[in-house]
Protein backbone atom coordinates (compact mmCIF):
# COMPACT_ATOMS: atom_id res chain seq x y z
CA MET A 1 20.27 2.70 -25.79
CA ASN A 2 20.15 0.97 -29.22
CA LYS A 3 23.77 1.96 -29.86
CA ILE A 4 24.83 0.25 -26.66
CA ILE A 5 22.93 -2.90 -27.60
CA LEU A 6 24.40 -2.96 -31.12
CA SER A 7 27.89 -2.37 -29.81
CA THR A 8 27.56 -5.22 -27.36
CA ARG A 9 26.25 -7.56 -30.03
CA LYS A 10 29.09 -6.58 -32.38
CA GLU A 11 31.65 -7.69 -29.85
CA PHE A 12 29.74 -10.93 -29.28
CA TYR A 13 29.55 -11.85 -32.99
CA LYS A 14 33.02 -10.57 -33.89
CA GLY A 15 34.98 -13.25 -35.68
CA PHE A 16 31.90 -15.34 -36.54
CA PHE A 17 30.33 -13.31 -39.38
CA PRO A 18 31.56 -10.89 -42.03
CA SER A 19 30.83 -7.23 -41.26
CA GLY A 20 27.90 -6.97 -43.74
CA ARG A 21 26.14 -10.04 -42.40
CA LEU A 22 26.85 -8.83 -38.86
CA LEU A 23 25.06 -5.55 -39.52
CA LEU A 24 22.11 -7.32 -41.17
CA LEU A 25 21.80 -9.82 -38.29
CA SER A 26 21.98 -7.04 -35.73
CA LEU A 27 19.21 -5.12 -37.47
CA ILE A 28 17.00 -8.22 -37.69
CA THR A 29 17.60 -9.02 -34.00
CA THR A 30 16.79 -5.45 -32.97
CA PHE A 31 13.59 -5.52 -35.04
CA ILE A 32 12.43 -8.81 -33.47
CA MET A 33 13.13 -7.52 -29.94
CA GLY A 34 11.28 -4.31 -30.64
CA LEU A 35 8.32 -6.24 -32.03
CA PHE A 36 8.26 -8.43 -28.90
CA ILE A 37 8.31 -5.42 -26.58
CA PHE A 38 5.57 -3.73 -28.65
CA ASN A 39 3.35 -6.83 -28.47
CA THR A 40 3.96 -7.14 -24.73
CA ARG A 41 2.87 -3.55 -24.25
CA ILE A 42 -0.28 -4.23 -26.28
CA VAL A 43 -1.10 -7.22 -24.05
CA ASP A 44 -0.46 -5.17 -20.91
CA ALA A 45 -2.59 -2.34 -22.27
CA ARG A 46 -5.42 -4.72 -23.12
CA SER A 47 -5.24 -6.26 -19.63
CA THR A 48 -5.33 -2.82 -18.04
CA ALA A 49 -8.24 -1.82 -20.29
CA LEU A 50 -10.19 -4.89 -19.19
CA LEU A 51 -9.52 -4.27 -15.51
CA MET A 52 -9.49 -0.49 -15.15
CA GLY A 53 -10.87 0.88 -18.38
CA ALA A 54 -8.89 2.30 -21.29
CA ASP A 55 -8.57 5.67 -19.54
CA GLY A 56 -7.34 4.18 -16.27
CA SER A 57 -10.81 4.36 -14.71
CA PHE A 58 -12.48 1.78 -12.46
CA SER A 59 -15.89 2.64 -13.86
CA GLU A 60 -16.47 -0.63 -15.72
CA LEU A 61 -15.51 -2.67 -12.66
CA VAL A 62 -17.83 -0.61 -10.46
CA LYS A 63 -20.74 -0.97 -12.90
CA LYS A 64 -20.43 -4.75 -12.66
CA ALA A 65 -19.98 -4.86 -8.88
CA LYS A 66 -22.50 -2.28 -7.60
CA PRO A 67 -25.67 -4.29 -8.35
CA SER A 68 -24.36 -6.99 -6.00
CA VAL A 69 -23.75 -4.62 -3.05
CA VAL A 70 -26.66 -3.95 -0.69
CA ASN A 71 -27.48 -1.43 2.02
CA ILE A 72 -28.58 -2.83 5.38
CA TYR A 73 -30.81 -1.04 7.89
CA ALA A 74 -31.17 -2.80 11.24
CA MET A 75 -33.42 -1.81 14.14
CA LYS A 76 -32.42 -2.58 17.72
CA ILE A 77 -34.30 -2.04 20.98
CA VAL A 78 -31.91 -0.56 23.52
CA LYS A 79 -32.81 -0.21 27.18
CA GLU A 80 -31.46 3.14 28.28
CA ARG A 81 -30.19 3.38 31.80
CA ARG A 82 -31.45 6.66 33.19
CA MET A 83 -31.38 8.08 36.67
CA ALA A 84 -34.62 7.35 38.50
CA ALA A 85 -36.68 10.30 39.71
CA PRO A 86 -36.14 11.09 43.40
CA ARG A 87 -38.85 10.33 45.93
CA PRO A 88 -39.74 12.67 48.85
CA PHE A 89 -38.03 11.50 52.05
CA GLY A 90 -36.85 8.36 50.24
CA GLY A 91 -40.26 6.65 50.40
CA PRO A 92 -42.69 5.51 47.68
CA ARG A 93 -45.13 7.96 46.15
CA SER A 94 -48.85 7.29 46.32
CA PRO A 95 -51.16 7.84 43.30
CA ASN A 96 -52.62 10.91 44.99
CA ASP A 97 -49.26 12.42 45.89
CA PRO A 98 -49.44 16.19 45.17
CA PHE A 99 -45.80 16.06 44.03
CA ASN A 100 -46.65 13.66 41.19
CA ASP A 101 -47.14 16.45 38.63
CA PHE A 102 -43.90 18.04 39.73
CA PHE A 103 -41.88 14.83 39.33
CA GLU A 104 -43.59 13.96 36.05
CA ARG A 105 -42.77 17.37 34.65
CA PHE A 106 -39.15 17.71 35.73
CA PHE A 107 -37.95 14.10 35.91
CA LYS A 108 -39.88 12.40 33.11
CA ASP A 109 -36.84 12.28 30.80
CA GLN A 110 -34.71 10.66 33.51
CA MET A 111 -36.90 7.59 33.95
CA PRO A 112 -35.75 4.27 32.43
CA ARG A 113 -37.20 3.62 29.01
CA GLU A 114 -36.63 1.64 25.82
CA ASN A 115 -35.10 3.36 22.85
CA VAL A 116 -35.20 2.27 19.21
CA GLN A 117 -31.71 2.39 17.74
CA LYS A 118 -31.19 2.15 13.99
CA SER A 119 -27.86 1.02 12.61
CA LEU A 120 -26.51 1.22 9.09
CA GLY A 121 -24.38 -1.32 7.32
CA THR A 122 -23.49 -2.92 4.02
CA GLY A 123 -23.47 -6.44 2.62
CA PHE A 124 -22.88 -8.21 -0.66
CA ILE A 125 -24.75 -10.94 -2.51
CA ILE A 126 -23.06 -14.34 -2.77
CA SER A 127 -25.87 -16.43 -4.27
CA LYS A 128 -28.63 -15.99 -6.85
CA ASP A 129 -31.29 -16.86 -4.26
CA GLY A 130 -30.40 -13.98 -1.91
CA LEU A 131 -27.66 -15.07 0.51
CA ILE A 132 -25.75 -12.02 1.75
CA ILE A 133 -22.54 -11.71 3.77
CA THR A 134 -22.15 -8.86 6.25
CA ASN A 135 -20.65 -8.15 9.68
CA ASN A 136 -22.09 -9.71 12.80
CA HIS A 137 -22.08 -6.37 14.62
CA VAL A 138 -24.40 -4.95 11.95
CA VAL A 139 -27.20 -7.46 12.56
CA GLU A 140 -26.74 -8.91 16.07
CA LYS A 141 -29.48 -8.31 18.66
CA THR A 142 -31.77 -6.76 16.06
CA GLU A 143 -35.56 -6.72 15.94
CA GLU A 144 -35.80 -6.08 12.23
CA ILE A 145 -33.39 -6.14 9.28
CA LYS A 146 -34.13 -4.45 5.96
CA VAL A 147 -32.02 -4.79 2.83
CA LYS A 148 -32.09 -2.31 -0.03
CA LEU A 149 -30.77 -3.42 -3.40
CA ALA A 150 -29.07 -1.20 -5.97
CA ASP A 151 -32.40 -0.91 -7.85
CA GLU A 152 -33.96 0.61 -4.67
CA LYS A 153 -36.11 -2.45 -3.93
CA GLU A 154 -36.35 -3.30 -0.23
CA TYR A 155 -36.70 -6.71 1.40
CA ASN A 156 -36.93 -8.04 4.93
CA ALA A 157 -33.95 -10.22 5.80
CA THR A 158 -33.51 -13.13 8.20
CA ILE A 159 -30.30 -14.21 9.92
CA ILE A 160 -29.08 -17.62 8.74
CA GLY A 161 -25.91 -17.80 10.83
CA ARG A 162 -23.66 -15.55 12.93
CA ASP A 163 -20.14 -15.83 14.27
CA PRO A 164 -19.23 -13.10 16.80
CA LYS A 165 -15.65 -14.35 17.10
CA THR A 166 -14.86 -13.39 13.49
CA ASP A 167 -17.59 -10.71 13.21
CA LEU A 168 -19.21 -12.48 10.26
CA ALA A 169 -22.89 -13.01 9.56
CA LEU A 170 -24.94 -14.62 6.80
CA ILE A 171 -28.42 -13.24 6.11
CA GLN A 172 -30.97 -13.99 3.40
CA ILE A 173 -33.69 -12.22 1.49
CA LYS A 174 -36.34 -13.66 -0.83
CA PRO A 175 -35.91 -11.70 -4.07
CA GLU A 176 -38.48 -11.51 -6.83
CA LYS A 177 -35.89 -12.51 -9.42
CA SER A 178 -32.47 -14.14 -9.60
CA LEU A 179 -29.66 -11.94 -8.25
CA THR A 180 -26.08 -11.48 -9.39
CA PRO A 181 -23.51 -12.67 -6.82
CA LEU A 182 -20.07 -11.16 -6.45
CA PRO A 183 -17.16 -13.51 -7.22
CA LEU A 184 -15.03 -14.42 -4.21
CA GLY A 185 -11.27 -14.10 -4.68
CA ASP A 186 -8.27 -15.50 -2.84
CA SER A 187 -7.07 -13.19 -0.06
CA ASP A 188 -3.91 -15.27 0.46
CA LYS A 189 -2.65 -14.04 -2.92
CA LEU A 190 -3.12 -10.41 -1.97
CA GLU A 191 0.08 -8.36 -1.76
CA VAL A 192 0.86 -5.13 0.06
CA GLY A 193 0.57 -2.34 -2.51
CA ASP A 194 -2.23 -4.01 -4.54
CA LEU A 195 -5.02 -1.69 -5.67
CA VAL A 196 -8.38 -2.23 -3.92
CA LEU A 197 -11.87 -0.70 -3.96
CA ALA A 198 -14.37 -0.45 -1.14
CA ILE A 199 -18.11 -0.16 -1.81
CA GLY A 200 -20.50 0.62 1.01
CA ASN A 201 -23.17 2.72 2.66
CA PRO A 202 -21.19 5.31 4.68
CA PHE A 203 -23.36 7.51 6.89
CA GLY A 204 -26.42 6.22 5.00
CA LEU A 205 -25.38 7.87 1.74
CA GLY A 206 -25.99 4.72 -0.31
CA ASN A 207 -23.56 2.95 -2.63
CA THR A 208 -20.30 4.86 -2.35
CA VAL A 209 -17.02 3.78 -3.95
CA THR A 210 -13.55 4.53 -2.62
CA ALA A 211 -10.16 3.34 -3.85
CA GLY A 212 -6.79 2.73 -2.25
CA ILE A 213 -4.13 0.11 -1.75
CA VAL A 214 -3.43 -2.73 0.63
CA SER A 215 -1.39 -1.07 3.38
CA ALA A 216 -0.59 -4.22 5.37
CA LYS A 217 -1.68 -7.81 5.99
CA TYR A 218 -2.13 -9.99 9.08
CA ARG A 219 -3.01 -7.07 11.33
CA ASN A 220 -3.98 -7.83 14.93
CA ILE A 221 -6.08 -4.98 16.32
CA GLY A 222 -7.25 -6.65 19.54
CA ALA A 223 -10.75 -7.37 18.25
CA GLY A 224 -10.62 -11.09 19.12
CA THR A 225 -8.77 -14.38 19.08
CA TYR A 226 -8.87 -14.71 15.29
CA ASP A 227 -7.61 -11.24 14.33
CA ASN A 228 -6.03 -11.39 10.88
CA PHE A 229 -7.09 -8.18 9.19
CA ILE A 230 -6.18 -6.63 5.85
CA GLN A 231 -5.29 -2.98 6.37
CA THR A 232 -6.22 -0.53 3.60
CA ASP A 233 -6.17 3.21 3.03
CA ALA A 234 -9.37 3.07 0.95
CA SER A 235 -11.79 5.30 2.86
CA ILE A 236 -14.03 3.28 5.19
CA ASN A 237 -16.55 5.07 7.41
CA PRO A 238 -19.49 4.14 9.68
CA GLY A 239 -21.98 2.34 7.44
CA ASN A 240 -19.28 0.62 5.36
CA SER A 241 -19.23 -2.33 7.77
CA GLY A 242 -19.95 -5.59 5.98
CA GLY A 243 -19.24 -4.21 2.53
CA PRO A 244 -16.82 -5.76 0.04
CA LEU A 245 -13.19 -4.89 -0.49
CA LEU A 246 -12.48 -5.69 -4.14
CA ASN A 247 -9.33 -6.30 -6.15
CA ILE A 248 -8.97 -4.88 -9.66
CA ARG A 249 -10.49 -8.06 -11.12
CA GLY A 250 -13.72 -7.29 -9.28
CA GLU A 251 -13.31 -10.19 -6.82
CA VAL A 252 -14.07 -9.84 -3.12
CA ILE A 253 -10.85 -10.23 -1.16
CA GLY A 254 -12.04 -8.73 2.12
CA ILE A 255 -15.05 -7.67 4.20
CA ASN A 256 -14.78 -4.13 5.56
CA SER A 257 -15.15 -4.33 9.31
CA ALA A 258 -13.38 -1.66 11.36
CA ILE A 259 -11.52 1.64 11.26
CA PHE A 260 -8.89 3.28 13.39
CA SER A 261 -10.07 6.78 14.15
CA GLN A 262 -9.98 9.42 16.85
CA ASN A 263 -13.01 11.31 15.59
CA GLY A 264 -15.24 8.55 14.18
CA GLY A 265 -14.36 9.28 10.54
CA SER A 266 -11.87 7.79 8.13
CA ILE A 267 -8.21 8.79 8.51
CA GLY A 268 -6.95 6.25 5.99
CA ILE A 269 -6.62 3.28 8.32
CA GLY A 270 -9.32 0.69 7.68
CA PHE A 271 -9.47 -3.04 8.33
CA ALA A 272 -11.12 -5.86 6.40
CA ILE A 273 -11.66 -9.52 7.24
CA PRO A 274 -9.88 -11.72 4.66
CA ILE A 275 -12.42 -13.39 2.37
CA ASN A 276 -10.71 -16.77 2.81
CA MET A 277 -11.75 -16.72 6.45
CA ALA A 278 -15.37 -16.22 5.38
CA LYS A 279 -15.11 -18.97 2.75
CA ASP A 280 -13.87 -21.39 5.42
CA LEU A 281 -16.86 -20.61 7.64
CA LEU A 282 -19.58 -20.40 4.97
CA PRO A 283 -20.62 -24.09 5.10
CA GLN A 284 -21.15 -23.81 8.86
CA LEU A 285 -22.82 -20.39 8.68
CA LYS A 286 -25.33 -21.87 6.22
CA LYS A 287 -26.18 -24.48 8.86
CA GLY A 288 -26.69 -21.76 11.46
CA LYS A 289 -23.89 -22.78 13.82
CA VAL A 290 -20.11 -22.53 13.77
CA ILE A 291 -18.24 -25.41 15.42
CA ARG A 292 -14.52 -24.93 16.05
CA GLY A 293 -11.67 -27.22 16.89
CA TRP A 294 -10.05 -26.99 20.32
CA LEU A 295 -6.55 -27.87 21.44
CA GLY A 296 -6.61 -26.92 25.11
CA VAL A 297 -3.40 -24.90 25.40
CA LEU A 298 -2.42 -21.42 26.50
CA ILE A 299 0.17 -20.06 24.08
CA GLN A 300 2.44 -17.05 23.96
CA ILE A 301 4.82 -15.19 21.65
CA ILE A 302 8.46 -16.25 21.62
CA THR A 303 10.47 -13.20 22.62
CA PRO A 304 14.21 -12.86 21.93
CA GLU A 305 14.87 -13.57 25.61
CA LEU A 306 12.76 -16.75 25.51
CA GLN A 307 14.46 -17.82 22.28
CA ASP A 308 17.84 -17.51 23.96
CA LYS A 309 16.76 -19.22 27.19
CA LEU A 310 15.06 -22.13 25.39
CA HIS A 311 17.95 -22.48 22.90
CA LEU A 312 15.70 -22.08 19.86
CA LYS A 313 17.13 -21.51 16.38
CA ASP A 314 14.46 -18.90 15.56
CA ARG A 315 11.27 -17.35 16.94
CA ARG A 316 8.83 -19.22 14.73
CA GLY A 317 5.99 -21.18 16.31
CA ALA A 318 3.76 -20.92 19.38
CA LEU A 319 5.15 -21.53 22.86
CA ILE A 320 2.88 -23.53 25.19
CA ALA A 321 2.64 -21.70 28.52
CA ASP A 322 -0.10 -23.86 30.05
CA ILE A 323 -2.29 -26.86 29.24
CA SER A 324 -5.94 -27.47 30.13
CA ILE A 325 -6.41 -30.47 32.37
CA GLY A 326 -8.11 -33.30 30.48
CA GLY A 327 -7.94 -31.41 27.17
CA PRO A 328 -6.82 -32.80 23.81
CA ALA A 329 -3.28 -31.44 24.22
CA GLU A 330 -2.73 -33.10 27.60
CA LYS A 331 -4.11 -36.43 26.34
CA ALA A 332 -1.74 -36.29 23.35
CA GLY A 333 1.31 -35.69 25.54
CA LEU A 334 1.98 -32.01 24.83
CA LYS A 335 3.82 -30.25 27.65
CA ARG A 336 4.55 -26.75 28.91
CA GLY A 337 7.60 -25.38 27.15
CA ASP A 338 6.87 -27.18 23.88
CA VAL A 339 6.98 -24.96 20.80
CA ILE A 340 4.35 -25.91 18.21
CA ILE A 341 5.88 -25.40 14.75
CA SER A 342 3.39 -27.36 12.63
CA PHE A 343 -0.26 -28.36 13.04
CA ASN A 344 -2.07 -30.68 10.62
CA GLY A 345 0.62 -30.11 8.00
CA LYS A 346 0.43 -26.31 8.23
CA ILE A 347 3.49 -24.38 9.37
CA ILE A 348 3.02 -22.10 12.37
CA LYS A 349 5.07 -19.02 11.54
CA GLU A 350 3.72 -16.88 14.37
CA MET A 351 1.81 -17.54 17.56
CA LYS A 352 -1.38 -15.97 16.18
CA ASP A 353 -1.48 -18.50 13.33
CA LEU A 354 -2.28 -21.42 15.64
CA PRO A 355 -5.71 -20.47 17.08
CA TYR A 356 -7.28 -19.99 13.64
CA ILE A 357 -5.72 -23.14 12.16
CA VAL A 358 -6.90 -25.22 15.13
CA ALA A 359 -10.37 -23.65 15.03
CA ALA A 360 -10.72 -24.46 11.31
CA THR A 361 -9.81 -28.14 11.87
CA PRO A 362 -12.79 -30.55 11.98
CA VAL A 363 -13.69 -31.76 15.46
CA GLY A 364 -12.64 -35.39 16.04
CA LYS A 365 -9.95 -35.34 13.36
CA LYS A 366 -6.63 -36.97 14.26
CA VAL A 367 -3.78 -34.71 13.20
CA LYS A 368 -0.01 -34.55 13.49
CA VAL A 369 1.55 -31.85 15.64
CA GLU A 370 5.24 -31.05 15.34
CA VAL A 371 6.92 -29.50 18.38
CA ILE A 372 10.38 -28.45 19.50
CA ARG A 373 10.96 -29.96 22.95
CA LYS A 374 14.25 -29.13 24.68
CA GLY A 375 15.97 -28.55 21.36
CA SER A 376 14.69 -31.69 19.60
CA LYS A 377 11.88 -32.01 17.10
CA GLU A 378 9.09 -34.42 18.01
CA THR A 379 5.86 -35.41 16.28
CA LEU A 380 2.70 -36.23 18.23
CA LYS A 381 -0.81 -37.20 17.18
CA ILE A 382 -3.76 -35.38 18.66
CA ILE A 383 -7.54 -35.75 18.35
CA VAL A 384 -9.04 -32.28 17.97
CA GLY A 385 -11.73 -31.45 20.54
CA GLU A 386 -14.71 -29.13 20.21
CA LEU A 387 -14.41 -25.55 21.35
CA GLN A 388 -17.42 -24.80 23.52
CA ASN A 389 -19.01 -21.35 23.57
CA GLN A 390 -17.54 -20.60 26.95
CA GLN A 391 -14.07 -21.77 25.99
CA ASP A 392 -11.43 -20.03 23.94
CA PRO A 393 -8.06 -21.25 22.71
CA GLY A 394 -5.55 -20.08 25.25
CA SER A 395 -8.16 -18.83 27.73
CA SER A 396 -10.44 -20.11 30.40
CA THR A 397 -14.14 -20.44 30.94
CA GLU A 398 -16.39 -17.45 30.25
CA ALA A 399 -18.29 -16.47 33.34
CA LYS A 400 -21.91 -17.45 33.87
CA PRO A 401 -24.07 -15.37 34.06
CA PHE A 402 -22.80 -13.26 31.20
CA LEU A 403 -20.32 -10.66 32.37
CA GLY A 404 -18.39 -10.14 29.15
CA LEU A 405 -15.02 -11.17 30.52
CA THR A 406 -12.68 -14.15 30.22
CA VAL A 407 -10.26 -15.11 32.98
CA GLU A 408 -7.23 -17.39 33.28
CA LYS A 409 -5.34 -18.87 36.18
CA ILE A 410 -1.99 -17.23 36.77
CA THR A 411 0.85 -19.64 36.12
CA PRO A 412 4.44 -18.81 37.14
CA GLN A 413 5.21 -18.34 33.45
CA ILE A 414 2.38 -15.82 32.98
CA ALA A 415 3.42 -14.01 36.16
CA ARG A 416 6.99 -13.65 34.91
CA ASN A 417 5.96 -12.51 31.43
CA LEU A 418 3.50 -9.89 32.72
CA GLY A 419 5.57 -8.79 35.68
CA ILE A 420 2.99 -9.95 38.22
CA SER A 421 4.15 -10.66 41.74
CA GLY A 422 2.72 -13.98 42.95
CA THR A 423 0.15 -16.27 41.41
CA GLU A 424 -2.88 -15.46 43.57
CA GLY A 425 -6.21 -14.76 41.91
CA LEU A 426 -7.26 -14.92 38.27
CA ILE A 427 -6.12 -12.62 35.48
CA ILE A 428 -8.58 -11.07 33.02
CA SER A 429 -7.47 -11.96 29.48
CA GLN A 430 -10.38 -10.55 27.46
CA ILE A 431 -13.23 -8.05 27.90
CA GLU A 432 -16.04 -7.54 25.39
CA ASN A 433 -17.02 -4.06 24.32
CA ASN A 434 -20.18 -2.63 25.94
CA SER A 435 -20.36 -5.60 28.33
CA PRO A 436 -21.10 -5.40 32.09
CA ALA A 437 -17.40 -5.91 32.77
CA ALA A 438 -16.44 -3.03 30.47
CA GLU A 439 -19.09 -0.76 32.02
CA ALA A 440 -17.81 -1.60 35.51
CA GLY A 441 -14.33 -0.40 34.55
CA LEU A 442 -12.60 -3.78 34.60
CA ARG A 443 -9.59 -4.07 32.30
CA VAL A 444 -7.50 -6.73 30.63
CA ARG A 445 -4.60 -7.77 32.93
CA ASP A 446 -6.57 -6.90 36.08
CA VAL A 447 -6.10 -9.65 38.66
CA ILE A 448 -9.32 -10.64 40.44
CA LEU A 449 -8.56 -11.22 44.11
CA GLU A 450 -12.06 -11.27 45.65
CA ILE A 451 -15.71 -11.42 44.67
CA ASP A 452 -18.04 -9.92 47.28
CA GLN A 453 -15.21 -10.18 49.82
CA SER A 454 -14.69 -13.91 49.19
CA PRO A 455 -11.13 -14.84 48.08
CA ILE A 456 -10.83 -16.21 44.54
CA SER A 457 -7.86 -18.51 44.07
CA ASN A 458 -8.85 -20.70 41.11
CA LEU A 459 -11.37 -21.14 38.29
CA SER A 460 -13.57 -23.42 40.33
CA ASP A 461 -14.01 -20.75 43.03
CA PHE A 462 -14.77 -18.17 40.36
CA GLN A 463 -17.41 -20.24 38.58
CA GLN A 464 -19.07 -21.45 41.75
CA LYS A 465 -19.32 -17.96 43.16
CA LEU A 466 -20.87 -16.52 40.00
CA ARG A 467 -23.58 -19.18 39.79
CA SER A 468 -25.30 -17.55 42.76
CA TYR A 469 -25.99 -14.30 40.91
CA ASN A 470 -29.08 -13.40 38.88
CA ASN A 471 -30.02 -10.65 36.47
CA GLN A 472 -29.70 -7.12 37.92
CA ASP A 473 -27.59 -8.29 40.89
CA SER A 474 -24.53 -6.25 41.81
CA ILE A 475 -21.13 -7.89 42.29
CA LEU A 476 -18.27 -6.34 44.26
CA PHE A 477 -14.88 -7.10 42.70
CA LEU A 478 -11.54 -6.53 44.38
CA VAL A 479 -8.87 -6.37 41.69
CA LYS A 480 -5.16 -5.72 41.59
CA ARG A 481 -4.11 -3.30 38.89
CA GLY A 482 -0.38 -2.80 38.73
CA PRO A 483 0.89 -2.06 42.24
CA SER A 484 -2.56 -0.96 43.50
CA THR A 485 -5.82 -2.67 44.48
CA LEU A 486 -9.30 -1.25 43.98
CA TYR A 487 -12.97 -2.18 44.34
CA LEU A 488 -15.32 -2.13 41.36
CA ILE A 489 -19.06 -2.86 41.20
CA LEU A 490 -20.43 -4.85 38.28
CA LYS A 491 -24.15 -4.97 37.46
CA VAL A 492 -25.33 -8.31 36.05
CA LYS A 493 -27.59 -8.05 33.01
CA LYS A 494 -28.98 -10.37 30.37
């Protein structure tokens, strides 16, 4: 290699220096370059030693991070639905019924009862006075939350703020002494292939460390409107939820939240919430309530066919399929068919970018929205509204009482995109896990035609009909699923 370099330099300097001086200059140049490369390697080695340890180990990083990672034990009261014991001849049993002992003996375990369910999770300290970030699903609907520190000390924790839409929660303990918080990094700077570490409490085993790389970014796994997960192959298992995903500088760049698995264990596909999302919400979580901006539009992905039909240069942006009557978008002059390419100075590369950007915008703020309308770029000004609990960007009102489903009116555009014949009824756009709707067998894309044999043609009919139901009532749904229709019974619960 050096011969090639010297030969090249000889040709370059030929004619400028005598042969002796040429040789001397070449040797000096080679020495300087070698010294530079040597020093660069020393710097790289020192950097690696600081981050990973001189022997390529993560041990020093883990020693610094582990005291800031906590184990969470939450207790929930779950009402089990069990089959009621049969009664002779279908009538009530009297206290002196001779069959009482028989029924008590053989059907005792089938009677409804409350069950204490304990869940495991992880969290990490973000303040000296005991603020801890974890997942919402670890602490929601809990009777008691206990936190165990790395030194084995246990504390009762209280919930400061929760956000089910992003699965984030902020809890607090009252420690005896000042704690060491973990530094929060910048998840936007994360690159696919970067080394990461996960620390958590898998299966209740206590602080466990796993390592891997960032497999992908911006993953949408159908968990909610604001899906934007980091995918990693660092082993994440039940109990890791809420724990930190660290870069090699020991900064939190994600919050471990979910896994893709067919058997409940890790198969190398885990998902973490980007830490920047948590940092955006922290001020509101500390106040106990998250308030989001609302635009009042139903958006969709721009397919190649739509790009061609709408004469768009590319597929960037979010296509407006429908607009809420009286919402901020309608008041600002946005129309169906507009493609939003910029909101409040932030470029909308993909449809899924818009909901989160809008939600993170302060309510009442006047912002500029750039759209492509019939081939021309236009700029409008819009005053951001407040997203209510029952509203969702791009979806309709959540049913009252709680059913765990969200419905939308079927526009001609939606019907064409989903291959639905006609625009009768309401389409289900979202169903929450373990909700009454999920238990009844309802699915996303089902079209609700009737409720208790009353036709449902719009949102007003839907909401008015549901107001008449109370806890434990049964509702008969007639839905269209593909080419077929079927009846499903939903049981209302708190």
